Amino acid sequence: MDETPYSVGEGPATRVSLSLPEGTAAAIRRRVGKREFSAFITEAVERELRGQILDEYLADYESRKGPLSEQEQQRARQIFDEVFAEEGEWPAAG
């Protein structure tokens, strides 16, 4: 895998090939239009990455400290979202 100096959401745009079911692609076009298709996909992928990073963090925390309650997990998600909103930065996955 290439190591780049860019974090998630940074750097110049790069073309990638993406295959989606036609119904999914059509639903996206109807919702956001043809011109905003890439932005919609980018935002969806970044949300998924953020969720995976948080899940990794929670799993690591629980392996070290023990299980979290549902309420504690929700609070962690809230804090995580607030940090993203304030700083606009991505934590490192790991």
PDB file of N, CA and C in Angstrom:
ATOM      1  N   MET A   1       0.842  -1.172   0.000  1.00  0.00           N
ATOM      2  CA  MET A   1       0.000   0.000   0.000  1.00  0.00           C
ATOM      3  C   MET A   1       0.889   1.238   0.000  1.00  0.00           C
ATOM      4  N   ASP A   2       0.521   2.244  -0.769  1.00  0.00           N
ATOM      5  CA  ASP A   2       1.304   3.471  -0.846  1.00  0.00           C
ATOM      6  C   ASP A   2       1.152   4.285   0.427  1.00  0.00           C
ATOM      7  N   GLU A   3       2.269   4.801   0.912  1.00  0.00           N
ATOM      8  CA  GLU A   3       2.254   5.734   2.034  1.00  0.00           C
ATOM      9  C   GLU A   3       2.199   7.138   1.455  1.00  0.00           C
ATOM     10  N   THR A   4       1.186   7.903   1.826  1.00  0.00           N
ATOM     11  CA  THR A   4       1.067   9.270   1.342  1.00  0.00           C
ATOM     12  C   THR A   4       1.127  10.226   2.523  1.00  0.00           C
ATOM     13  N   PRO A   5       1.485  11.477   2.269  1.00  0.00           N
ATOM     14  CA  PRO A   5       1.530  12.458   3.347  1.00  0.00           C
ATOM     15  C   PRO A   5       0.146  12.999   3.700  1.00  0.00           C
ATOM     16  N   TYR A   6      -0.903  12.478   3.076  1.00  0.00           N
ATOM     17  CA  TYR A   6      -2.248  13.009   3.267  1.00  0.00           C
ATOM     18  C   TYR A   6      -3.030  12.192   4.281  1.00  0.00           C
ATOM     19  N   SER A   7      -3.833  12.873   5.042  1.00  0.00           N
ATOM     20  CA  SER A   7      -4.767  12.231   5.954  1.00  0.00           C
ATOM     21  C   SER A   7      -6.105  12.093   5.234  1.00  0.00           C
ATOM     22  N   VAL A   8      -7.029  11.390   5.828  1.00  0.00           N
ATOM     23  CA  VAL A   8      -8.366  11.233   5.239  1.00  0.00           C
ATOM     24  C   VAL A   8      -8.969  12.608   5.009  1.00  0.00           C
ATOM     25  N   GLY A   9      -9.505  12.827   3.825  1.00  0.00           N
ATOM     26  CA  GLY A   9     -10.130  14.094   3.489  1.00  0.00           C
ATOM     27  C   GLY A   9      -9.177  15.141   2.972  1.00  0.00           C
ATOM     28  N   GLU A  10      -7.892  14.826   2.875  1.00  0.00           N
ATOM     29  CA  GLU A  10      -6.887  15.789   2.417  1.00  0.00           C
ATOM     30  C   GLU A  10      -6.298  15.345   1.088  1.00  0.00           C
ATOM     31  N   GLY A  11      -5.597  16.270   0.435  1.00  0.00           N
ATOM     32  CA  GLY A  11      -4.880  15.968  -0.794  1.00  0.00           C
ATOM     33  C   GLY A  11      -5.715  16.224  -2.024  1.00  0.00           C
ATOM     34  N   PRO A  12      -5.057  16.141  -3.166  1.00  0.00           N
ATOM     35  CA  PRO A  12      -5.773  16.361  -4.417  1.00  0.00           C
ATOM     36  C   PRO A  12      -6.720  15.192  -4.706  1.00  0.00           C
ATOM     37  N   ALA A  13      -7.711  15.463  -5.514  1.00  0.00           N
ATOM     38  CA  ALA A  13      -8.641  14.397  -5.910  1.00  0.00           C
ATOM     39  C   ALA A  13      -7.911  13.413  -6.818  1.00  0.00           C
ATOM     40  N   THR A  14      -8.276  12.154  -6.687  1.00  0.00           N
ATOM     41  CA  THR A  14      -7.710  11.130  -7.550  1.00  0.00           C
ATOM     42  C   THR A  14      -8.852  10.283  -8.087  1.00  0.00           C
ATOM     43  N   ARG A  15      -8.722   9.862  -9.308  1.00  0.00           N
ATOM     44  CA  ARG A  15      -9.766   9.032  -9.916  1.00  0.00           C
ATOM     45  C   ARG A  15      -9.613   7.589  -9.459  1.00  0.00           C
ATOM     46  N   VAL A  16     -10.746   6.987  -9.133  1.00  0.00           N
ATOM     47  CA  VAL A  16     -10.782   5.566  -8.807  1.00  0.00           C
ATOM     48  C   VAL A  16     -11.949   4.948  -9.551  1.00  0.00           C
ATOM     49  N   SER A  17     -11.845   3.681  -9.805  1.00  0.00           N
ATOM     50  CA  SER A  17     -12.946   2.960 -10.430  1.00  0.00           C
ATOM     51  C   SER A  17     -13.833   2.406  -9.330  1.00  0.00           C
ATOM     52  N   LEU A  18     -15.121   2.613  -9.462  1.00  0.00           N
ATOM     53  CA  LEU A  18     -16.067   2.194  -8.441  1.00  0.00           C
ATOM     54  C   LEU A  18     -17.239   1.505  -9.115  1.00  0.00           C
ATOM     55  N   SER A  19     -17.585   0.335  -8.648  1.00  0.00           N
ATOM     56  CA  SER A  19     -18.745  -0.377  -9.177  1.00  0.00           C
ATOM     57  C   SER A  19     -19.838  -0.386  -8.122  1.00  0.00           C
ATOM     58  N   LEU A  20     -21.032   0.062  -8.520  1.00  0.00           N
ATOM     59  CA  LEU A  20     -22.194   0.073  -7.645  1.00  0.00           C
ATOM     60  C   LEU A  20     -23.353  -0.588  -8.365  1.00  0.00           C
ATOM     61  N   PRO A  21     -24.254  -1.182  -7.626  1.00  0.00           N
ATOM     62  CA  PRO A  21     -25.477  -1.645  -8.275  1.00  0.00           C
ATOM     63  C   PRO A  21     -26.181  -0.462  -8.940  1.00  0.00           C
ATOM     64  N   GLU A  22     -26.734  -0.652 -10.113  1.00  0.00           N
ATOM     65  CA  GLU A  22     -27.362   0.432 -10.855  1.00  0.00           C
ATOM     66  C   GLU A  22     -28.446   1.132 -10.046  1.00  0.00           C
ATOM     67  N   GLY A  23     -29.212   0.369  -9.272  1.00  0.00           N
ATOM     68  CA  GLY A  23     -30.258   0.981  -8.452  1.00  0.00           C
ATOM     69  C   GLY A  23     -29.688   1.929  -7.414  1.00  0.00           C
ATOM     70  N   THR A  24     -28.554   1.568  -6.842  1.00  0.00           N
ATOM     71  CA  THR A  24     -27.896   2.428  -5.860  1.00  0.00           C
ATOM     72  C   THR A  24     -27.389   3.701  -6.526  1.00  0.00           C
ATOM     73  N   ALA A  25     -26.724   3.551  -7.662  1.00  0.00           N
ATOM     74  CA  ALA A  25     -26.210   4.716  -8.394  1.00  0.00           C
ATOM     75  C   ALA A  25     -27.354   5.642  -8.801  1.00  0.00           C
ATOM     76  N   ALA A  26     -28.451   5.069  -9.279  1.00  0.00           N
ATOM     77  CA  ALA A  26     -29.597   5.883  -9.694  1.00  0.00           C
ATOM     78  C   ALA A  26     -30.195   6.627  -8.498  1.00  0.00           C
ATOM     79  N   ALA A  27     -30.268   5.964  -7.353  1.00  0.00           N
ATOM     80  CA  ALA A  27     -30.812   6.608  -6.154  1.00  0.00           C
ATOM     81  C   ALA A  27     -29.932   7.778  -5.721  1.00  0.00           C
ATOM     82  N   ILE A  28     -28.626   7.616  -5.814  1.00  0.00           N
ATOM     83  CA  ILE A  28     -27.709   8.709  -5.464  1.00  0.00           C
ATOM     84  C   ILE A  28     -27.900   9.874  -6.426  1.00  0.00           C
ATOM     85  N   ARG A  29     -27.970   9.583  -7.729  1.00  0.00           N
ATOM     86  CA  ARG A  29     -28.165  10.652  -8.724  1.00  0.00           C
ATOM     87  C   ARG A  29     -29.473  11.398  -8.485  1.00  0.00           C
ATOM     88  N   ARG A  30     -30.533  10.666  -8.166  1.00  0.00           N
ATOM     89  CA  ARG A  30     -31.822  11.316  -7.892  1.00  0.00           C
ATOM     90  C   ARG A  30     -31.725  12.213  -6.660  1.00  0.00           C
ATOM     91  N   ARG A  31     -30.993  11.761  -5.675  1.00  0.00           N
ATOM     92  CA  ARG A  31     -30.903  12.508  -4.417  1.00  0.00           C
ATOM     93  C   ARG A  31     -30.026  13.747  -4.537  1.00  0.00           C
ATOM     94  N   VAL A  32     -28.863  13.626  -5.196  1.00  0.00           N
ATOM     95  CA  VAL A  32     -27.902  14.732  -5.181  1.00  0.00           C
ATOM     96  C   VAL A  32     -27.573  15.287  -6.559  1.00  0.00           C
ATOM     97  N   GLY A  33     -28.007  14.639  -7.605  1.00  0.00           N
ATOM     98  CA  GLY A  33     -27.675  15.093  -8.950  1.00  0.00           C
ATOM     99  C   GLY A  33     -26.345  14.536  -9.419  1.00  0.00           C
ATOM    100  N   LYS A  34     -26.161  14.585 -10.717  1.00  0.00           N
ATOM    101  CA  LYS A  34     -24.959  14.026 -11.332  1.00  0.00           C
ATOM    102  C   LYS A  34     -23.691  14.747 -10.889  1.00  0.00           C
ATOM    103  N   ARG A  35     -23.769  16.061 -10.721  1.00  0.00           N
ATOM    104  CA  ARG A  35     -22.578  16.854 -10.401  1.00  0.00           C
ATOM    105  C   ARG A  35     -22.080  16.620  -8.979  1.00  0.00           C
ATOM    106  N   GLU A  36     -22.940  16.207  -8.084  1.00  0.00           N
ATOM    107  CA  GLU A  36     -22.559  16.007  -6.683  1.00  0.00           C
ATOM    108  C   GLU A  36     -22.344  14.534  -6.322  1.00  0.00           C
ATOM    109  N   PHE A  37     -22.377  13.669  -7.312  1.00  0.00           N
ATOM    110  CA  PHE A  37     -22.248  12.231  -7.096  1.00  0.00           C
ATOM    111  C   PHE A  37     -20.952  11.895  -6.351  1.00  0.00           C
ATOM    112  N   SER A  38     -19.825  12.399  -6.834  1.00  0.00           N
ATOM    113  CA  SER A  38     -18.529  12.087  -6.207  1.00  0.00           C
ATOM    114  C   SER A  38     -18.457  12.607  -4.777  1.00  0.00           C
ATOM    115  N   ALA A  39     -18.977  13.810  -4.548  1.00  0.00           N
ATOM    116  CA  ALA A  39     -18.954  14.371  -3.195  1.00  0.00           C
ATOM    117  C   ALA A  39     -19.776  13.504  -2.249  1.00  0.00           C
ATOM    118  N   PHE A  40     -20.905  13.006  -2.726  1.00  0.00           N
ATOM    119  CA  PHE A  40     -21.754  12.145  -1.905  1.00  0.00           C
ATOM    120  C   PHE A  40     -21.012  10.871  -1.524  1.00  0.00           C
ATOM    121  N   ILE A  41     -20.369  10.240  -2.502  1.00  0.00           N
ATOM    122  CA  ILE A  41     -19.613   9.006  -2.247  1.00  0.00           C
ATOM    123  C   ILE A  41     -18.460   9.293  -1.288  1.00  0.00           C
ATOM    124  N   THR A  42     -17.748  10.400  -1.494  1.00  0.00           N
ATOM    125  CA  THR A  42     -16.635  10.761  -0.619  1.00  0.00           C
ATOM    126  C   THR A  42     -17.105  10.903   0.822  1.00  0.00           C
ATOM    127  N   GLU A  43     -18.201  11.635   1.028  1.00  0.00           N
ATOM    128  CA  GLU A  43     -18.720  11.828   2.380  1.00  0.00           C
ATOM    129  C   GLU A  43     -19.148  10.506   3.009  1.00  0.00           C
ATOM    130  N   ALA A  44     -19.754   9.636   2.228  1.00  0.00           N
ATOM    131  CA  ALA A  44     -20.189   8.336   2.750  1.00  0.00           C
ATOM    132  C   ALA A  44     -18.985   7.481   3.154  1.00  0.00           C
ATOM    133  N   VAL A  45     -17.953   7.480   2.330  1.00  0.00           N
ATOM    134  CA  VAL A  45     -16.751   6.701   2.629  1.00  0.00           C
ATOM    135  C   VAL A  45     -16.062   7.257   3.872  1.00  0.00           C
ATOM    136  N   GLU A  46     -15.978   8.572   3.991  1.00  0.00           N
ATOM    137  CA  GLU A  46     -15.346   9.163   5.170  1.00  0.00           C
ATOM    138  C   GLU A  46     -16.133   8.862   6.439  1.00  0.00           C
ATOM    139  N   ARG A  47     -17.460   8.855   6.362  1.00  0.00           N
ATOM    140  CA  ARG A  47     -18.278   8.470   7.523  1.00  0.00           C
ATOM    141  C   ARG A  47     -17.992   7.031   7.921  1.00  0.00           C
ATOM    142  N   GLU A  48     -17.893   6.158   6.936  1.00  0.00           N
ATOM    143  CA  GLU A  48     -17.600   4.748   7.214  1.00  0.00           C
ATOM    144  C   GLU A  48     -16.227   4.586   7.846  1.00  0.00           C
ATOM    145  N   LEU A  49     -15.235   5.288   7.313  1.00  0.00           N
ATOM    146  CA  LEU A  49     -13.887   5.224   7.896  1.00  0.00           C
ATOM    147  C   LEU A  49     -13.899   5.719   9.335  1.00  0.00           C
ATOM    148  N   ARG A  50     -14.583   6.833   9.583  1.00  0.00           N
ATOM    149  CA  ARG A  50     -14.662   7.363  10.943  1.00  0.00           C
ATOM    150  C   ARG A  50     -15.297   6.335  11.871  1.00  0.00           C
ATOM    151  N   GLY A  51     -16.357   5.681  11.429  1.00  0.00           N
ATOM    152  CA  GLY A  51     -17.005   4.650  12.236  1.00  0.00           C
ATOM    153  C   GLY A  51     -16.083   3.478  12.520  1.00  0.00           C
ATOM    154  N   GLN A  52     -15.334   3.056  11.511  1.00  0.00           N
ATOM    155  CA  GLN A  52     -14.410   1.945  11.712  1.00  0.00           C
ATOM    156  C   GLN A  52     -13.287   2.319  12.677  1.00  0.00           C
ATOM    157  N   ILE A  53     -12.773   3.545  12.558  1.00  0.00           N
ATOM    158  CA  ILE A  53     -11.712   3.984  13.469  1.00  0.00           C
ATOM    159  C   ILE A  53     -12.235   4.008  14.898  1.00  0.00           C
ATOM    160  N   LEU A  54     -13.442   4.522  15.087  1.00  0.00           N
ATOM    161  CA  LEU A  54     -14.024   4.546  16.432  1.00  0.00           C
ATOM    162  C   LEU A  54     -14.234   3.131  16.948  1.00  0.00           C
ATOM    163  N   ASP A  55     -14.746   2.233  16.108  1.00  0.00           N
ATOM    164  CA  ASP A  55     -14.946   0.851  16.531  1.00  0.00           C
ATOM    165  C   ASP A  55     -13.624   0.205  16.942  1.00  0.00           C
ATOM    166  N   GLU A  56     -12.556   0.485  16.184  1.00  0.00           N
ATOM    167  CA  GLU A  56     -11.237  -0.050  16.537  1.00  0.00           C
ATOM    168  C   GLU A  56     -10.780   0.491  17.889  1.00  0.00           C
ATOM    169  N   TYR A  57     -10.991   1.787  18.094  1.00  0.00           N
ATOM    170  CA  TYR A  57     -10.603   2.393  19.364  1.00  0.00           C
ATOM    171  C   TYR A  57     -11.374   1.766  20.520  1.00  0.00           C
ATOM    172  N   LEU A  58     -12.694   1.633  20.353  1.00  0.00           N
ATOM    173  CA  LEU A  58     -13.512   1.056  21.423  1.00  0.00           C
ATOM    174  C   LEU A  58     -13.112  -0.389  21.713  1.00  0.00           C
ATOM    175  N   ALA A  59     -12.839  -1.163  20.672  1.00  0.00           N
ATOM    176  CA  ALA A  59     -12.424  -2.554  20.871  1.00  0.00           C
ATOM    177  C   ALA A  59     -11.099  -2.616  21.616  1.00  0.00           C
ATOM    178  N   ASP A  60     -10.164  -1.739  21.246  1.00  0.00           N
ATOM    179  CA  ASP A  60      -8.876  -1.700  21.943  1.00  0.00           C
ATOM    180  C   ASP A  60      -9.071  -1.295  23.398  1.00  0.00           C
ATOM    181  N   TYR A  61      -9.878  -0.282  23.628  1.00  0.00           N
ATOM    182  CA  TYR A  61     -10.129   0.185  24.991  1.00  0.00           C
ATOM    183  C   TYR A  61     -10.735  -0.942  25.824  1.00  0.00           C
ATOM    184  N   GLU A  62     -11.748  -1.617  25.266  1.00  0.00           N
ATOM    185  CA  GLU A  62     -12.406  -2.696  26.003  1.00  0.00           C
ATOM    186  C   GLU A  62     -11.466  -3.867  26.260  1.00  0.00           C
ATOM    187  N   SER A  63     -10.540  -4.142  25.354  1.00  0.00           N
ATOM    188  CA  SER A  63      -9.592  -5.243  25.581  1.00  0.00           C
ATOM    189  C   SER A  63      -8.646  -4.913  26.733  1.00  0.00           C
ATOM    190  N   ARG A  64      -8.391  -3.618  26.938  1.00  0.00           N
ATOM    191  CA  ARG A  64      -7.500  -3.201  28.016  1.00  0.00           C
ATOM    192  C   ARG A  64      -8.231  -2.933  29.321  1.00  0.00           C
ATOM    193  N   LYS A  65      -9.435  -2.384  29.266  1.00  0.00           N
ATOM    194  CA  LYS A  65     -10.119  -1.903  30.469  1.00  0.00           C
ATOM    195  C   LYS A  65     -11.400  -2.657  30.817  1.00  0.00           C
ATOM    196  N   GLY A  66     -11.890  -3.482  29.899  1.00  0.00           N
ATOM    197  CA  GLY A  66     -13.144  -4.180  30.134  1.00  0.00           C
ATOM    198  C   GLY A  66     -14.290  -3.554  29.360  1.00  0.00           C
ATOM    199  N   PRO A  67     -15.419  -4.252  29.343  1.00  0.00           N
ATOM    200  CA  PRO A  67     -16.559  -3.817  28.527  1.00  0.00           C
ATOM    201  C   PRO A  67     -17.119  -2.460  28.943  1.00  0.00           C
ATOM    202  N   LEU A  68     -17.606  -1.737  27.948  1.00  0.00           N
ATOM    203  CA  LEU A  68     -18.295  -0.470  28.168  1.00  0.00           C
ATOM    204  C   LEU A  68     -19.802  -0.713  28.084  1.00  0.00           C
ATOM    205  N   SER A  69     -20.546   0.020  28.861  1.00  0.00           N
ATOM    206  CA  SER A  69     -22.000  -0.055  28.763  1.00  0.00           C
ATOM    207  C   SER A  69     -22.452   0.620  27.468  1.00  0.00           C
ATOM    208  N   GLU A  70     -23.682   0.384  27.089  1.00  0.00           N
ATOM    209  CA  GLU A  70     -24.243   1.034  25.901  1.00  0.00           C
ATOM    210  C   GLU A  70     -24.193   2.554  26.061  1.00  0.00           C
ATOM    211  N   GLN A  71     -24.490   3.032  27.255  1.00  0.00           N
ATOM    212  CA  GLN A  71     -24.459   4.472  27.520  1.00  0.00           C
ATOM    213  C   GLN A  71     -23.032   5.022  27.355  1.00  0.00           C
ATOM    214  N   GLU A  72     -22.038   4.293  27.841  1.00  0.00           N
ATOM    215  CA  GLU A  72     -20.650   4.729  27.696  1.00  0.00           C
ATOM    216  C   GLU A  72     -20.213   4.731  26.228  1.00  0.00           C
ATOM    217  N   GLN A  73     -20.672   3.730  25.479  1.00  0.00           N
ATOM    218  CA  GLN A  73     -20.354   3.682  24.051  1.00  0.00           C
ATOM    219  C   GLN A  73     -20.974   4.875  23.323  1.00  0.00           C
ATOM    220  N   GLN A  74     -22.222   5.197  23.643  1.00  0.00           N
ATOM    221  CA  GLN A  74     -22.878   6.345  23.017  1.00  0.00           C
ATOM    222  C   GLN A  74     -22.161   7.645  23.360  1.00  0.00           C
ATOM    223  N   ARG A  75     -21.719   7.773  24.594  1.00  0.00           N
ATOM    224  CA  ARG A  75     -20.986   8.970  25.007  1.00  0.00           C
ATOM    225  C   ARG A  75     -19.657   9.062  24.261  1.00  0.00           C
ATOM    226  N   ALA A  76     -18.980   7.939  24.093  1.00  0.00           N
ATOM    227  CA  ALA A  76     -17.719   7.931  23.345  1.00  0.00           C
ATOM    228  C   ALA A  76     -17.958   8.374  21.903  1.00  0.00           C
ATOM    229  N   ARG A  77     -19.033   7.880  21.290  1.00  0.00           N
ATOM    230  CA  ARG A  77     -19.359   8.284  19.915  1.00  0.00           C
ATOM    231  C   ARG A  77     -19.645   9.783  19.843  1.00  0.00           C
ATOM    232  N   GLN A  78     -20.355  10.298  20.827  1.00  0.00           N
ATOM    233  CA  GLN A  78     -20.671  11.727  20.862  1.00  0.00           C
ATOM    234  C   GLN A  78     -19.387  12.554  20.961  1.00  0.00           C
ATOM    235  N   ILE A  79     -18.505  12.153  21.853  1.00  0.00           N
ATOM    236  CA  ILE A  79     -17.229  12.876  22.021  1.00  0.00           C
ATOM    237  C   ILE A  79     -16.416  12.799  20.737  1.00  0.00           C
ATOM    238  N   PHE A  80     -16.352  11.626  20.140  1.00  0.00           N
ATOM    239  CA  PHE A  80     -15.608  11.428  18.900  1.00  0.00           C
ATOM    240  C   PHE A  80     -16.137  12.362  17.821  1.00  0.00           C
ATOM    241  N   ASP A  81     -17.468  12.445  17.673  1.00  0.00           N
ATOM    242  CA  ASP A  81     -18.069  13.325  16.673  1.00  0.00           C
ATOM    243  C   ASP A  81     -17.776  14.790  16.970  1.00  0.00           C
ATOM    244  N   GLU A  82     -17.802  15.161  18.254  1.00  0.00           N
ATOM    245  CA  GLU A  82     -17.507  16.553  18.626  1.00  0.00           C
ATOM    246  C   GLU A  82     -16.072  16.917  18.281  1.00  0.00           C
ATOM    247  N   VAL A  83     -15.145  16.007  18.519  1.00  0.00           N
ATOM    248  CA  VAL A  83     -13.742  16.272  18.200  1.00  0.00           C
ATOM    249  C   VAL A  83     -13.583  16.475  16.701  1.00  0.00           C
ATOM    250  N   PHE A  84     -14.216  15.628  15.890  1.00  0.00           N
ATOM    251  CA  PHE A  84     -14.152  15.794  14.444  1.00  0.00           C
ATOM    252  C   PHE A  84     -14.727  17.130  14.026  1.00  0.00           C
ATOM    253  N   ALA A  85     -15.849  17.522  14.598  1.00  0.00           N
ATOM    254  CA  ALA A  85     -16.500  18.769  14.218  1.00  0.00           C
ATOM    255  C   ALA A  85     -15.653  19.977  14.598  1.00  0.00           C
ATOM    256  N   GLU A  86     -15.005  19.924  15.740  1.00  0.00           N
ATOM    257  CA  GLU A  86     -14.201  21.054  16.217  1.00  0.00           C
ATOM    258  C   GLU A  86     -12.875  21.166  15.486  1.00  0.00           C
ATOM    259  N   GLU A  87     -12.197  20.065  15.329  1.00  0.00           N
ATOM    260  CA  GLU A  87     -10.838  20.106  14.802  1.00  0.00           C
ATOM    261  C   GLU A  87     -10.741  19.783  13.328  1.00  0.00           C
ATOM    262  N   GLY A  88     -11.740  19.075  12.797  1.00  0.00           N
ATOM    263  CA  GLY A  88     -11.692  18.703  11.398  1.00  0.00           C
ATOM    264  C   GLY A  88     -10.539  17.784  11.061  1.00  0.00           C
ATOM    265  N   GLU A  89     -10.029  17.078  12.058  1.00  0.00           N
ATOM    266  CA  GLU A  89      -8.889  16.199  11.835  1.00  0.00           C
ATOM    267  C   GLU A  89      -9.283  14.746  12.068  1.00  0.00           C
ATOM    268  N   TRP A  90      -8.553  13.870  11.423  1.00  0.00           N
ATOM    269  CA  TRP A  90      -8.786  12.434  11.526  1.00  0.00           C
ATOM    270  C   TRP A  90      -7.753  11.803  12.432  1.00  0.00           C
ATOM    271  N   PRO A  91      -8.196  10.997  13.409  1.00  0.00           N
ATOM    272  CA  PRO A  91      -7.218  10.240  14.188  1.00  0.00           C
ATOM    273  C   PRO A  91      -6.623   9.127  13.326  1.00  0.00           C
ATOM    274  N   ALA A  92      -5.466   8.687  13.666  1.00  0.00           N
ATOM    275  CA  ALA A  92      -4.833   7.597  12.931  1.00  0.00           C
ATOM    276  C   ALA A  92      -5.511   6.286  13.256  1.00  0.00           C
ATOM    277  N   ALA A  93      -5.780   5.499  12.225  1.00  0.00           N
ATOM    278  CA  ALA A  93      -6.314   4.159  12.434  1.00  0.00           C
ATOM    279  C   ALA A  93      -5.171   3.290  12.909  1.00  0.00           C
ATOM    280  N   GLY A  94      -5.504   2.327  13.744  1.00  0.00           N
ATOM    281  CA  GLY A  94      -4.397   1.489  14.176  1.00  0.00           C
ATOM    282  C   GLY A  94      -4.744   0.466  15.119  1.00  0.00           C
TER     283      GLY A  94
END
